[in-house]
Amino acid sequence: MGRLLQFRTELMMLWRAFIAPQTPVWIKGLMLLVPLYLLSPVDFVPDVIPVLGWLDDLVIVPLMVSWIVSLLPQPQPVRAQAYNPRRDDNPTIDGDWRRL
């Protein structure tokens, strides 16, 4: 059950990455290979063989999805800038202060 939830999360990550303009085009092309493999009549084990053909898809597709998710660029952490009172672009927040 845990692997199924992880697969669902990875699919959502791929969908968000596919929509995001920051994702490289070559990774988006790899993402299109997953549905192409499912729809393609060419498989490692043909779907004509009842159980092994479907088992093949149940193993290879999650492996492909996990591999593509591992290739996604990781977002860089936002770093705080040091306060410099001499810079003009620092916003001034006007307000009253109170002692509690």
PDB file of N, CA and C in Angstrom:
ATOM      1  N   MET A   1       0.820  -1.191   0.000  1.00  0.00           N
ATOM      2  CA  MET A   1       0.000   0.000   0.000  1.00  0.00           C
ATOM      3  C   MET A   1       0.865   1.256   0.000  1.00  0.00           C
ATOM      4  N   GLY A   2       2.000   1.212   0.689  1.00  0.00           N
ATOM      5  CA  GLY A   2       2.899   2.360   0.751  1.00  0.00           C
ATOM      6  C   GLY A   2       3.494   2.699  -0.603  1.00  0.00           C
ATOM      7  N   ARG A   3       3.833   1.667  -1.365  1.00  0.00           N
ATOM      8  CA  ARG A   3       4.407   1.895  -2.690  1.00  0.00           C
ATOM      9  C   ARG A   3       3.365   2.500  -3.632  1.00  0.00           C
ATOM     10  N   LEU A   4       2.114   2.119  -3.477  1.00  0.00           N
ATOM     11  CA  LEU A   4       1.052   2.678  -4.302  1.00  0.00           C
ATOM     12  C   LEU A   4       0.872   4.170  -4.017  1.00  0.00           C
ATOM     13  N   LEU A   5       0.926   4.555  -2.732  1.00  0.00           N
ATOM     14  CA  LEU A   5       0.826   5.970  -2.376  1.00  0.00           C
ATOM     15  C   LEU A   5       2.036   6.750  -2.871  1.00  0.00           C
ATOM     16  N   GLN A   6       3.220   6.128  -2.805  1.00  0.00           N
ATOM     17  CA  GLN A   6       4.420   6.782  -3.313  1.00  0.00           C
ATOM     18  C   GLN A   6       4.316   6.968  -4.833  1.00  0.00           C
ATOM     19  N   PHE A   7       3.799   5.985  -5.533  1.00  0.00           N
ATOM     20  CA  PHE A   7       3.620   6.077  -6.978  1.00  0.00           C
ATOM     21  C   PHE A   7       2.657   7.204  -7.325  1.00  0.00           C
ATOM     22  N   ARG A   8       1.584   7.325  -6.557  1.00  0.00           N
ATOM     23  CA  ARG A   8       0.609   8.396  -6.786  1.00  0.00           C
ATOM     24  C   ARG A   8       1.262   9.759  -6.565  1.00  0.00           C
ATOM     25  N   THR A   9       2.056   9.896  -5.522  1.00  0.00           N
ATOM     26  CA  THR A   9       2.757  11.146  -5.238  1.00  0.00           C
ATOM     27  C   THR A   9       3.748  11.471  -6.349  1.00  0.00           C
ATOM     28  N   GLU A  10       4.463  10.452  -6.832  1.00  0.00           N
ATOM     29  CA  GLU A  10       5.433  10.673  -7.898  1.00  0.00           C
ATOM     30  C   GLU A  10       4.734  11.086  -9.196  1.00  0.00           C
ATOM     31  N   LEU A  11       3.560  10.518  -9.477  1.00  0.00           N
ATOM     32  CA  LEU A  11       2.810  10.927 -10.664  1.00  0.00           C
ATOM     33  C   LEU A  11       2.385  12.391 -10.569  1.00  0.00           C
ATOM     34  N   MET A  12       1.964  12.813  -9.384  1.00  0.00           N
ATOM     35  CA  MET A  12       1.586  14.217  -9.203  1.00  0.00           C
ATOM     36  C   MET A  12       2.808  15.133  -9.358  1.00  0.00           C
ATOM     37  N   MET A  13       3.955  14.692  -8.871  1.00  0.00           N
ATOM     38  CA  MET A  13       5.182  15.474  -9.036  1.00  0.00           C
ATOM     39  C   MET A  13       5.536  15.608 -10.512  1.00  0.00           C
ATOM     40  N   LEU A  14       5.380  14.526 -11.261  1.00  0.00           N
ATOM     41  CA  LEU A  14       5.672  14.584 -12.692  1.00  0.00           C
ATOM     42  C   LEU A  14       4.702  15.511 -13.405  1.00  0.00           C
ATOM     43  N   TRP A  15       3.451  15.487 -13.031  1.00  0.00           N
ATOM     44  CA  TRP A  15       2.476  16.358 -13.680  1.00  0.00           C
ATOM     45  C   TRP A  15       2.819  17.830 -13.415  1.00  0.00           C
ATOM     46  N   ARG A  16       3.136  18.158 -12.154  1.00  0.00           N
ATOM     47  CA  ARG A  16       3.501  19.542 -11.824  1.00  0.00           C
ATOM     48  C   ARG A  16       4.784  19.956 -12.546  1.00  0.00           C
ATOM     49  N   ALA A  17       5.727  19.037 -12.634  1.00  0.00           N
ATOM     50  CA  ALA A  17       6.979  19.350 -13.329  1.00  0.00           C
ATOM     51  C   ALA A  17       6.747  19.503 -14.827  1.00  0.00           C
ATOM     52  N   PHE A  18       5.808  18.751 -15.384  1.00  0.00           N
ATOM     53  CA  PHE A  18       5.526  18.855 -16.817  1.00  0.00           C
ATOM     54  C   PHE A  18       4.914  20.216 -17.145  1.00  0.00           C
ATOM     55  N   ILE A  19       4.110  20.743 -16.256  1.00  0.00           N
ATOM     56  CA  ILE A  19       3.479  22.045 -16.471  1.00  0.00           C
ATOM     57  C   ILE A  19       4.462  23.187 -16.214  1.00  0.00           C
ATOM     58  N   ALA A  20       5.400  22.992 -15.300  1.00  0.00           N
ATOM     59  CA  ALA A  20       6.323  24.065 -14.910  1.00  0.00           C
ATOM     60  C   ALA A  20       7.256  24.441 -16.060  1.00  0.00           C
ATOM     61  N   PRO A  21       7.423  25.722 -16.312  1.00  0.00           N
ATOM     62  CA  PRO A  21       8.319  26.137 -17.405  1.00  0.00           C
ATOM     63  C   PRO A  21       9.801  25.942 -17.072  1.00  0.00           C
ATOM     64  N   GLN A  22      10.150  25.753 -15.802  1.00  0.00           N
ATOM     65  CA  GLN A  22      11.550  25.575 -15.421  1.00  0.00           C
ATOM     66  C   GLN A  22      12.081  24.182 -15.722  1.00  0.00           C
ATOM     67  N   THR A  23      11.196  23.229 -15.948  1.00  0.00           N
ATOM     68  CA  THR A  23      11.618  21.857 -16.210  1.00  0.00           C
ATOM     69  C   THR A  23      12.255  21.775 -17.594  1.00  0.00           C
ATOM     70  N   PRO A  24      13.445  21.174 -17.692  1.00  0.00           N
ATOM     71  CA  PRO A  24      14.093  21.051 -19.004  1.00  0.00           C
ATOM     72  C   PRO A  24      13.244  20.237 -19.986  1.00  0.00           C
ATOM     73  N   VAL A  25      13.378  20.582 -21.252  1.00  0.00           N
ATOM     74  CA  VAL A  25      12.572  19.951 -22.303  1.00  0.00           C
ATOM     75  C   VAL A  25      12.881  18.459 -22.414  1.00  0.00           C
ATOM     76  N   TRP A  26      14.145  18.087 -22.216  1.00  0.00           N
ATOM     77  CA  TRP A  26      14.499  16.675 -22.365  1.00  0.00           C
ATOM     78  C   TRP A  26      13.839  15.826 -21.275  1.00  0.00           C
ATOM     79  N   ILE A  27      13.626  16.382 -20.086  1.00  0.00           N
ATOM     80  CA  ILE A  27      12.931  15.626 -19.032  1.00  0.00           C
ATOM     81  C   ILE A  27      11.446  15.521 -19.378  1.00  0.00           C
ATOM     82  N   LYS A  28      10.884  16.580 -19.970  1.00  0.00           N
ATOM     83  CA  LYS A  28       9.485  16.504 -20.393  1.00  0.00           C
ATOM     84  C   LYS A  28       9.315  15.438 -21.470  1.00  0.00           C
ATOM     85  N   GLY A  29      10.310  15.299 -22.335  1.00  0.00           N
ATOM     86  CA  GLY A  29      10.266  14.240 -23.345  1.00  0.00           C
ATOM     87  C   GLY A  29      10.306  12.861 -22.720  1.00  0.00           C
ATOM     88  N   LEU A  30      11.122  12.699 -21.663  1.00  0.00           N
ATOM     89  CA  LEU A  30      11.155  11.411 -20.954  1.00  0.00           C
ATOM     90  C   LEU A  30       9.815  11.114 -20.291  1.00  0.00           C
ATOM     91  N   MET A  31       9.156  12.167 -19.803  1.00  0.00           N
ATOM     92  CA  MET A  31       7.856  11.967 -19.165  1.00  0.00           C
ATOM     93  C   MET A  31       6.831  11.424 -20.171  1.00  0.00           C
ATOM     94  N   LEU A  32       6.950  11.824 -21.410  1.00  0.00           N
ATOM     95  CA  LEU A  32       6.015  11.337 -22.426  1.00  0.00           C
ATOM     96  C   LEU A  32       6.245   9.874 -22.780  1.00  0.00           C
ATOM     97  N   LEU A  33       7.404   9.335 -22.399  1.00  0.00           N
ATOM     98  CA  LEU A  33       7.673   7.924 -22.673  1.00  0.00           C
ATOM     99  C   LEU A  33       6.811   6.984 -21.828  1.00  0.00           C
ATOM    100  N   VAL A  34       6.387   7.437 -20.656  1.00  0.00           N
ATOM    101  CA  VAL A  34       5.589   6.576 -19.773  1.00  0.00           C
ATOM    102  C   VAL A  34       4.244   6.230 -20.410  1.00  0.00           C
ATOM    103  N   PRO A  35       3.426   7.217 -20.816  1.00  0.00           N
ATOM    104  CA  PRO A  35       2.160   6.818 -21.470  1.00  0.00           C
ATOM    105  C   PRO A  35       2.396   6.173 -22.831  1.00  0.00           C
ATOM    106  N   LEU A  36       3.480   6.565 -23.509  1.00  0.00           N
ATOM    107  CA  LEU A  36       3.780   5.947 -24.791  1.00  0.00           C
ATOM    108  C   LEU A  36       4.068   4.456 -24.622  1.00  0.00           C
ATOM    109  N   TYR A  37       4.785   4.098 -23.550  1.00  0.00           N
ATOM    110  CA  TYR A  37       5.071   2.680 -23.284  1.00  0.00           C
ATOM    111  C   TYR A  37       3.786   1.912 -22.984  1.00  0.00           C
ATOM    112  N   LEU A  38       2.887   2.552 -22.232  1.00  0.00           N
ATOM    113  CA  LEU A  38       1.628   1.868 -21.900  1.00  0.00           C
ATOM    114  C   LEU A  38       0.744   1.662 -23.128  1.00  0.00           C
ATOM    115  N   LEU A  39       0.760   2.623 -24.047  1.00  0.00           N
ATOM    116  CA  LEU A  39      -0.089   2.526 -25.234  1.00  0.00           C
ATOM    117  C   LEU A  39       0.565   1.773 -26.376  1.00  0.00           C
ATOM    118  N   SER A  40       1.872   1.605 -26.310  1.00  0.00           N
ATOM    119  CA  SER A  40       2.603   0.959 -27.390  1.00  0.00           C
ATOM    120  C   SER A  40       2.314  -0.539 -27.443  1.00  0.00           C
ATOM    121  N   PRO A  41       2.198  -1.074 -28.639  1.00  0.00           N
ATOM    122  CA  PRO A  41       2.009  -2.525 -28.742  1.00  0.00           C
ATOM    123  C   PRO A  41       3.305  -3.300 -28.510  1.00  0.00           C
ATOM    124  N   VAL A  42       4.427  -2.601 -28.479  1.00  0.00           N
ATOM    125  CA  VAL A  42       5.720  -3.254 -28.254  1.00  0.00           C
ATOM    126  C   VAL A  42       6.024  -3.220 -26.761  1.00  0.00           C
ATOM    127  N   ASP A  43       6.132  -4.371 -26.142  1.00  0.00           N
ATOM    128  CA  ASP A  43       6.449  -4.508 -24.723  1.00  0.00           C
ATOM    129  C   ASP A  43       7.608  -5.477 -24.572  1.00  0.00           C
ATOM    130  N   PHE A  44       8.191  -5.481 -23.377  1.00  0.00           N
ATOM    131  CA  PHE A  44       9.218  -6.481 -23.095  1.00  0.00           C
ATOM    132  C   PHE A  44       8.596  -7.871 -23.077  1.00  0.00           C
ATOM    133  N   VAL A  45       7.443  -7.973 -22.439  1.00  0.00           N
ATOM    134  CA  VAL A  45       6.657  -9.205 -22.458  1.00  0.00           C
ATOM    135  C   VAL A  45       5.321  -8.829 -23.081  1.00  0.00           C
ATOM    136  N   PRO A  46       4.930  -9.443 -24.195  1.00  0.00           N
ATOM    137  CA  PRO A  46       3.685  -9.050 -24.876  1.00  0.00           C
ATOM    138  C   PRO A  46       2.462  -9.226 -23.979  1.00  0.00           C
ATOM    139  N   ASP A  47       1.485  -8.336 -24.172  1.00  0.00           N
ATOM    140  CA  ASP A  47       0.254  -8.398 -23.384  1.00  0.00           C
ATOM    141  C   ASP A  47      -0.630  -9.576 -23.768  1.00  0.00           C
ATOM    142  N   VAL A  48      -0.274 -10.296 -24.816  1.00  0.00           N
ATOM    143  CA  VAL A  48      -1.035 -11.474 -25.225  1.00  0.00           C
ATOM    144  C   VAL A  48      -0.928 -12.557 -24.156  1.00  0.00           C
ATOM    145  N   ILE A  49       0.225 -12.634 -23.501  1.00  0.00           N
ATOM    146  CA  ILE A  49       0.392 -13.569 -22.389  1.00  0.00           C
ATOM    147  C   ILE A  49      -0.365 -12.957 -21.205  1.00  0.00           C
ATOM    148  N   PRO A  50      -1.436 -13.573 -20.744  1.00  0.00           N
ATOM    149  CA  PRO A  50      -2.378 -12.928 -19.831  1.00  0.00           C
ATOM    150  C   PRO A  50      -1.780 -12.292 -18.583  1.00  0.00           C
ATOM    151  N   VAL A  51      -1.107 -13.005 -17.754  1.00  0.00           N
ATOM    152  CA  VAL A  51      -0.661 -12.447 -16.484  1.00  0.00           C
ATOM    153  C   VAL A  51       0.714 -11.784 -16.613  1.00  0.00           C
ATOM    154  N   LEU A  52       1.624 -12.405 -17.300  1.00  0.00           N
ATOM    155  CA  LEU A  52       2.977 -11.861 -17.404  1.00  0.00           C
ATOM    156  C   LEU A  52       3.018 -10.553 -18.182  1.00  0.00           C
ATOM    157  N   GLY A  53       2.165 -10.392 -19.163  1.00  0.00           N
ATOM    158  CA  GLY A  53       2.125  -9.152 -19.929  1.00  0.00           C
ATOM    159  C   GLY A  53       1.686  -7.967 -19.086  1.00  0.00           C
ATOM    160  N   TRP A  54       0.711  -8.171 -18.222  1.00  0.00           N
ATOM    161  CA  TRP A  54       0.239  -7.095 -17.350  1.00  0.00           C
ATOM    162  C   TRP A  54       1.204  -6.868 -16.206  1.00  0.00           C
ATOM    163  N   LEU A  55       1.795  -7.928 -15.705  1.00  0.00           N
ATOM    164  CA  LEU A  55       2.771  -7.802 -14.623  1.00  0.00           C
ATOM    165  C   LEU A  55       3.974  -7.005 -15.083  1.00  0.00           C
ATOM    166  N   ASP A  56       4.336  -7.184 -16.333  1.00  0.00           N
ATOM    167  CA  ASP A  56       5.424  -6.422 -16.931  1.00  0.00           C
ATOM    168  C   ASP A  56       5.128  -4.922 -16.834  1.00  0.00           C
ATOM    169  N   ASP A  57       3.917  -4.507 -17.194  1.00  0.00           N
ATOM    170  CA  ASP A  57       3.551  -3.095 -17.123  1.00  0.00           C
ATOM    171  C   ASP A  57       3.494  -2.597 -15.685  1.00  0.00           C
ATOM    172  N   LEU A  58       3.044  -3.433 -14.768  1.00  0.00           N
ATOM    173  CA  LEU A  58       2.940  -3.029 -13.364  1.00  0.00           C
ATOM    174  C   LEU A  58       4.299  -2.837 -12.703  1.00  0.00           C
ATOM    175  N   VAL A  59       5.341  -3.416 -13.275  1.00  0.00           N
ATOM    176  CA  VAL A  59       6.683  -3.274 -12.706  1.00  0.00           C
ATOM    177  C   VAL A  59       7.459  -2.169 -13.412  1.00  0.00           C
ATOM    178  N   ILE A  60       7.411  -2.138 -14.719  1.00  0.00           N
ATOM    179  CA  ILE A  60       8.251  -1.216 -15.483  1.00  0.00           C
ATOM    180  C   ILE A  60       7.770   0.232 -15.372  1.00  0.00           C
ATOM    181  N   VAL A  61       6.474   0.468 -15.412  1.00  0.00           N
ATOM    182  CA  VAL A  61       5.969   1.847 -15.364  1.00  0.00           C
ATOM    183  C   VAL A  61       6.330   2.538 -14.043  1.00  0.00           C
ATOM    184  N   PRO A  62       6.120   1.935 -12.870  1.00  0.00           N
ATOM    185  CA  PRO A  62       6.559   2.620 -11.642  1.00  0.00           C
ATOM    186  C   PRO A  62       8.078   2.831 -11.573  1.00  0.00           C
ATOM    187  N   LEU A  63       8.846   1.894 -12.130  1.00  0.00           N
ATOM    188  CA  LEU A  63      10.295   2.095 -12.158  1.00  0.00           C
ATOM    189  C   LEU A  63      10.676   3.277 -13.043  1.00  0.00           C
ATOM    190  N   MET A  64      10.011   3.419 -14.186  1.00  0.00           N
ATOM    191  CA  MET A  64      10.266   4.552 -15.068  1.00  0.00           C
ATOM    192  C   MET A  64       9.884   5.867 -14.388  1.00  0.00           C
ATOM    193  N   VAL A  65       8.753   5.884 -13.718  1.00  0.00           N
ATOM    194  CA  VAL A  65       8.297   7.100 -13.039  1.00  0.00           C
ATOM    195  C   VAL A  65       9.273   7.487 -11.925  1.00  0.00           C
ATOM    196  N   SER A  66       9.709   6.538 -11.120  1.00  0.00           N
ATOM    197  CA  SER A  66      10.663   6.830 -10.045  1.00  0.00           C
ATOM    198  C   SER A  66      11.982   7.344 -10.600  1.00  0.00           C
ATOM    199  N   TRP A  67      12.421   6.766 -11.695  1.00  0.00           N
ATOM    200  CA  TRP A  67      13.675   7.198 -12.305  1.00  0.00           C
ATOM    201  C   TRP A  67      13.571   8.631 -12.821  1.00  0.00           C
ATOM    202  N   ILE A  68      12.462   8.963 -13.477  1.00  0.00           N
ATOM    203  CA  ILE A  68      12.296  10.312 -14.002  1.00  0.00           C
ATOM    204  C   ILE A  68      12.167  11.323 -12.863  1.00  0.00           C
ATOM    205  N   VAL A  69      11.489  10.953 -11.789  1.00  0.00           N
ATOM    206  CA  VAL A  69      11.378  11.846 -10.625  1.00  0.00           C
ATOM    207  C   VAL A  69      12.761  12.105 -10.032  1.00  0.00           C
ATOM    208  N   SER A  70      13.626  11.111 -10.028  1.00  0.00           N
ATOM    209  CA  SER A  70      14.976  11.319  -9.486  1.00  0.00           C
ATOM    210  C   SER A  70      15.799  12.253 -10.368  1.00  0.00           C
ATOM    211  N   LEU A  71      15.429  12.416 -11.640  1.00  0.00           N
ATOM    212  CA  LEU A  71      16.139  13.317 -12.543  1.00  0.00           C
ATOM    213  C   LEU A  71      15.664  14.764 -12.455  1.00  0.00           C
ATOM    214  N   LEU A  72      14.530  15.002 -11.816  1.00  0.00           N
ATOM    215  CA  LEU A  72      13.993  16.358 -11.732  1.00  0.00           C
ATOM    216  C   LEU A  72      14.943  17.263 -10.957  1.00  0.00           C
ATOM    217  N   PRO A  73      15.113  18.501 -11.423  1.00  0.00           N
ATOM    218  CA  PRO A  73      15.976  19.428 -10.688  1.00  0.00           C
ATOM    219  C   PRO A  73      15.346  19.793  -9.349  1.00  0.00           C
ATOM    220  N   GLN A  74      16.168  19.837  -8.337  1.00  0.00           N
ATOM    221  CA  GLN A  74      15.691  20.177  -6.998  1.00  0.00           C
ATOM    222  C   GLN A  74      15.667  21.691  -6.836  1.00  0.00           C
ATOM    223  N   PRO A  75      14.608  22.236  -6.226  1.00  0.00           N
ATOM    224  CA  PRO A  75      14.563  23.687  -6.026  1.00  0.00           C
ATOM    225  C   PRO A  75      15.635  24.129  -5.030  1.00  0.00           C
ATOM    226  N   GLN A  76      16.238  25.256  -5.325  1.00  0.00           N
ATOM    227  CA  GLN A  76      17.257  25.788  -4.437  1.00  0.00           C
ATOM    228  C   GLN A  76      16.597  26.485  -3.254  1.00  0.00           C
ATOM    229  N   PRO A  77      17.170  26.341  -2.066  1.00  0.00           N
ATOM    230  CA  PRO A  77      16.569  27.017  -0.910  1.00  0.00           C
ATOM    231  C   PRO A  77      16.729  28.531  -1.034  1.00  0.00           C
ATOM    232  N   VAL A  78      15.724  29.242  -0.554  1.00  0.00           N
ATOM    233  CA  VAL A  78      15.766  30.697  -0.576  1.00  0.00           C
ATOM    234  C   VAL A  78      16.641  31.154   0.584  1.00  0.00           C
ATOM    235  N   ARG A  79      17.595  31.988   0.275  1.00  0.00           N
ATOM    236  CA  ARG A  79      18.506  32.477   1.312  1.00  0.00           C
ATOM    237  C   ARG A  79      18.124  33.903   1.690  1.00  0.00           C
ATOM    238  N   ALA A  80      18.207  34.179   2.963  1.00  0.00           N
ATOM    239  CA  ALA A  80      17.912  35.525   3.439  1.00  0.00           C
ATOM    240  C   ALA A  80      19.070  36.456   3.093  1.00  0.00           C
ATOM    241  N   GLN A  81      18.731  37.670   2.696  1.00  0.00           N
ATOM    242  CA  GLN A  81      19.767  38.651   2.401  1.00  0.00           C
ATOM    243  C   GLN A  81      20.109  39.418   3.665  1.00  0.00           C
ATOM    244  N   ALA A  82      21.364  39.776   3.785  1.00  0.00           N
ATOM    245  CA  ALA A  82      21.794  40.551   4.944  1.00  0.00           C
ATOM    246  C   ALA A  82      21.218  41.964   4.843  1.00  0.00           C
ATOM    247  N   TYR A  83      20.834  42.505   5.975  1.00  0.00           N
ATOM    248  CA  TYR A  83      20.273  43.844   6.007  1.00  0.00           C
ATOM    249  C   TYR A  83      21.393  44.863   5.858  1.00  0.00           C
ATOM    250  N   ASN A  84      21.221  45.767   4.932  1.00  0.00           N
ATOM    251  CA  ASN A  84      22.190  46.834   4.712  1.00  0.00           C
ATOM    252  C   ASN A  84      21.417  48.152   4.751  1.00  0.00           C
ATOM    253  N   PRO A  85      21.573  48.948   5.813  1.00  0.00           N
ATOM    254  CA  PRO A  85      20.777  50.175   5.926  1.00  0.00           C
ATOM    255  C   PRO A  85      21.131  51.213   4.873  1.00  0.00           C
ATOM    256  N   ARG A  86      22.272  51.079   4.208  1.00  0.00           N
ATOM    257  CA  ARG A  86      22.671  52.082   3.210  1.00  0.00           C
ATOM    258  C   ARG A  86      22.039  51.833   1.846  1.00  0.00           C
ATOM    259  N   ARG A  87      21.489  50.644   1.631  1.00  0.00           N
ATOM    260  CA  ARG A  87      20.865  50.347   0.345  1.00  0.00           C
ATOM    261  C   ARG A  87      19.493  50.995   0.284  1.00  0.00           C
ATOM    262  N   ASP A  88      19.131  51.486  -0.882  1.00  0.00           N
ATOM    263  CA  ASP A  88      17.850  52.175  -1.041  1.00  0.00           C
ATOM    264  C   ASP A  88      16.692  51.223  -1.324  1.00  0.00           C
ATOM    265  N   ASP A  89      16.976  49.977  -1.720  1.00  0.00           N
ATOM    266  CA  ASP A  89      15.881  49.077  -2.082  1.00  0.00           C
ATOM    267  C   ASP A  89      15.317  48.308  -0.894  1.00  0.00           C
ATOM    268  N   ASN A  90      15.826  48.561   0.316  1.00  0.00           N
ATOM    269  CA  ASN A  90      15.258  47.908   1.495  1.00  0.00           C
ATOM    270  C   ASN A  90      13.944  48.592   1.849  1.00  0.00           C
ATOM    271  N   PRO A  91      12.867  47.829   1.958  1.00  0.00           N
ATOM    272  CA  PRO A  91      11.587  48.470   2.278  1.00  0.00           C
ATOM    273  C   PRO A  91      11.545  48.907   3.735  1.00  0.00           C
ATOM    274  N   THR A  92      10.893  50.015   3.960  1.00  0.00           N
ATOM    275  CA  THR A  92      10.704  50.505   5.315  1.00  0.00           C
ATOM    276  C   THR A  92       9.264  50.210   5.704  1.00  0.00           C
ATOM    277  N   ILE A  93       9.106  49.538   6.802  1.00  0.00           N
ATOM    278  CA  ILE A  93       7.772  49.210   7.285  1.00  0.00           C
ATOM    279  C   ILE A  93       7.438  50.190   8.392  1.00  0.00           C
ATOM    280  N   ASP A  94       6.408  50.983   8.166  1.00  0.00           N
ATOM    281  CA  ASP A  94       6.009  51.981   9.136  1.00  0.00           C
ATOM    282  C   ASP A  94       5.011  51.356  10.095  1.00  0.00           C
ATOM    283  N   GLY A  95       5.173  51.624  11.356  1.00  0.00           N
ATOM    284  CA  GLY A  95       4.248  51.056  12.320  1.00  0.00           C
ATOM    285  C   GLY A  95       4.561  51.528  13.721  1.00  0.00           C
ATOM    286  N   ASP A  96       3.692  51.252  14.626  1.00  0.00           N
ATOM    287  CA  ASP A  96       3.881  51.593  16.032  1.00  0.00           C
ATOM    288  C   ASP A  96       4.356  50.359  16.769  1.00  0.00           C
ATOM    289  N   TRP A  97       5.114  50.572  17.786  1.00  0.00           N
ATOM    290  CA  TRP A  97       5.533  49.450  18.601  1.00  0.00           C
ATOM    291  C   TRP A  97       4.920  49.623  19.978  1.00  0.00           C
ATOM    292  N   ARG A  98       4.697  48.491  20.597  1.00  0.00           N
ATOM    293  CA  ARG A  98       4.106  48.482  21.924  1.00  0.00           C
ATOM    294  C   ARG A  98       4.888  47.551  22.823  1.00  0.00           C
ATOM    295  N   ARG A  99       4.910  47.900  24.067  1.00  0.00           N
ATOM    296  CA  ARG A  99       5.541  47.027  25.044  1.00  0.00           C
ATOM    297  C   ARG A  99       4.450  46.169  25.674  1.00  0.00           C
ATOM    298  N   LEU A 100       4.659  44.863  25.667  1.00  0.00           N
ATOM    299  CA  LEU A 100       3.645  43.967  26.233  1.00  0.00           C
ATOM    300  C   LEU A 100       3.903  43.646  27.660  1.00  0.00           C
TER     301      LEU A 100
END
